[in-house]
Amino acid sequence: MRKSWKQRRSKPVFILVFFRFAMPRFAANLTMMYCEHPFLERFSAAAADGFDAVEFLFPYSFNADELRSRLADNGLGLILFNKAVAK
C-alpha cells in the first residue's frame, strides 16, 4: 500500500519553515551601484547604506592592498570579483 503525502513528509516541514522565515542577504555590486562616486569611495557608500558585503567586476587596475584596506575600514566582506580576461 502506498503512503499518503502526510506519511511521507518527514523533513519538508522544517525546510518550508526555514525558507519561509529566512531573510535573503544582498551584496552591493560596486561596478553597477554608486556610480556618482569614484570607485574607491563606493565602499564607504555601500557600508553607509547598510550592506555587509560587496562585489565588483575587474578590480585589476587597483592595488590589492588598497582594496583590502577599504574593505576592512568599512567592515565589509568581499563576495566575488571576476577573473582576469585571458589574452
Protein backbone atom coordinates (compact mmCIF):
# COMPACT_ATOMS: atom_id res chain seq x y z
CA MET A 1 0.00 0.00 0.00
CA ARG A 2 1.31 3.43 -0.94
CA LYS A 3 1.90 6.03 1.81
CA SER A 4 -0.04 9.26 1.72
CA TRP A 5 1.80 12.56 1.37
CA LYS A 6 1.34 13.24 5.09
CA GLN A 7 3.09 9.99 5.97
CA ARG A 8 5.98 10.69 3.57
CA ARG A 9 6.76 14.21 4.71
CA SER A 10 9.30 13.99 7.49
CA LYS A 11 11.83 16.71 6.56
CA PRO A 12 9.92 19.14 4.33
CA VAL A 13 8.14 20.80 7.25
CA PHE A 14 11.45 22.10 8.65
CA ILE A 15 12.68 23.11 5.21
CA LEU A 16 9.50 25.02 4.41
CA VAL A 17 9.53 26.81 7.75
CA PHE A 18 13.22 27.70 7.39
CA PHE A 19 12.85 29.15 3.90
CA ARG A 20 9.66 30.95 4.77
CA PHE A 21 11.34 32.97 7.52
CA ALA A 22 14.93 33.21 6.26
CA MET A 23 15.79 36.69 5.02
CA PRO A 24 17.85 36.97 1.85
CA ARG A 25 21.20 38.70 2.15
CA PHE A 26 22.37 41.00 -0.61
CA ALA A 27 25.76 42.36 -1.59
CA ALA A 28 26.29 45.72 -3.27
CA ASN A 29 27.74 45.44 -6.77
CA LEU A 30 30.17 48.35 -6.76
CA THR A 31 30.60 48.27 -10.52
CA MET A 32 26.91 48.93 -11.11
CA MET A 33 25.94 50.88 -7.97
CA TYR A 34 27.12 54.22 -6.61
CA CYS A 35 28.36 55.43 -10.00
CA GLU A 36 28.22 59.00 -8.70
CA HIS A 37 31.31 58.18 -6.57
CA PRO A 38 34.82 57.26 -7.67
CA PHE A 39 35.36 53.51 -7.32
CA LEU A 40 37.36 53.56 -4.08
CA GLU A 41 34.76 55.75 -2.38
CA ARG A 42 31.95 53.32 -3.21
CA PHE A 43 32.97 51.04 -0.33
CA SER A 44 32.04 53.64 2.28
CA ALA A 45 28.81 54.45 0.42
CA ALA A 46 27.78 50.78 0.47
CA ALA A 47 28.61 50.47 4.17
CA ALA A 48 26.63 53.64 4.92
CA ASP A 49 23.59 52.10 3.21
CA GLY A 50 23.82 49.01 5.43
CA PHE A 51 25.44 46.45 3.16
CA ASP A 52 27.63 43.84 4.85
CA ALA A 53 29.37 42.68 1.68
CA VAL A 54 30.30 43.90 -1.79
CA GLU A 55 31.19 42.51 -5.18
CA PHE A 56 32.77 44.13 -8.23
CA LEU A 57 33.98 43.36 -11.73
CA PHE A 58 37.60 43.55 -12.84
CA PRO A 59 39.42 45.22 -9.91
CA TYR A 60 42.83 44.80 -11.53
CA SER A 61 43.53 48.49 -12.10
CA PHE A 62 43.58 48.99 -8.31
CA ASN A 63 46.15 47.87 -5.77
CA ALA A 64 45.02 44.74 -3.86
CA ASP A 65 46.25 46.20 -0.56
CA GLU A 66 44.16 49.33 -1.12
CA LEU A 67 41.05 47.24 -1.83
CA ARG A 68 41.71 45.10 1.26
CA SER A 69 42.13 48.26 3.32
CA ARG A 70 38.83 49.74 2.06
CA LEU A 71 37.01 46.51 2.91
CA ALA A 72 38.47 46.36 6.41
CA ASP A 73 37.95 50.07 7.15
CA ASN A 74 34.26 49.80 6.27
CA GLY A 75 33.62 46.39 7.85
CA LEU A 76 32.70 44.80 4.52
CA GLY A 77 33.17 41.31 3.18
CA LEU A 78 34.11 40.57 -0.42
CA ILE A 79 31.69 38.14 -2.01
CA LEU A 80 33.14 37.90 -5.51
CA PHE A 81 35.14 39.56 -8.25
CA ASN A 82 35.64 38.48 -11.83
CA LYS A 83 38.69 36.64 -13.01
CA ALA A 84 41.04 38.47 -15.36
CA VAL A 85 40.19 38.13 -19.03
CA ALA A 86 42.57 35.84 -20.93
CA LYS A 87 44.52 37.45 -23.76
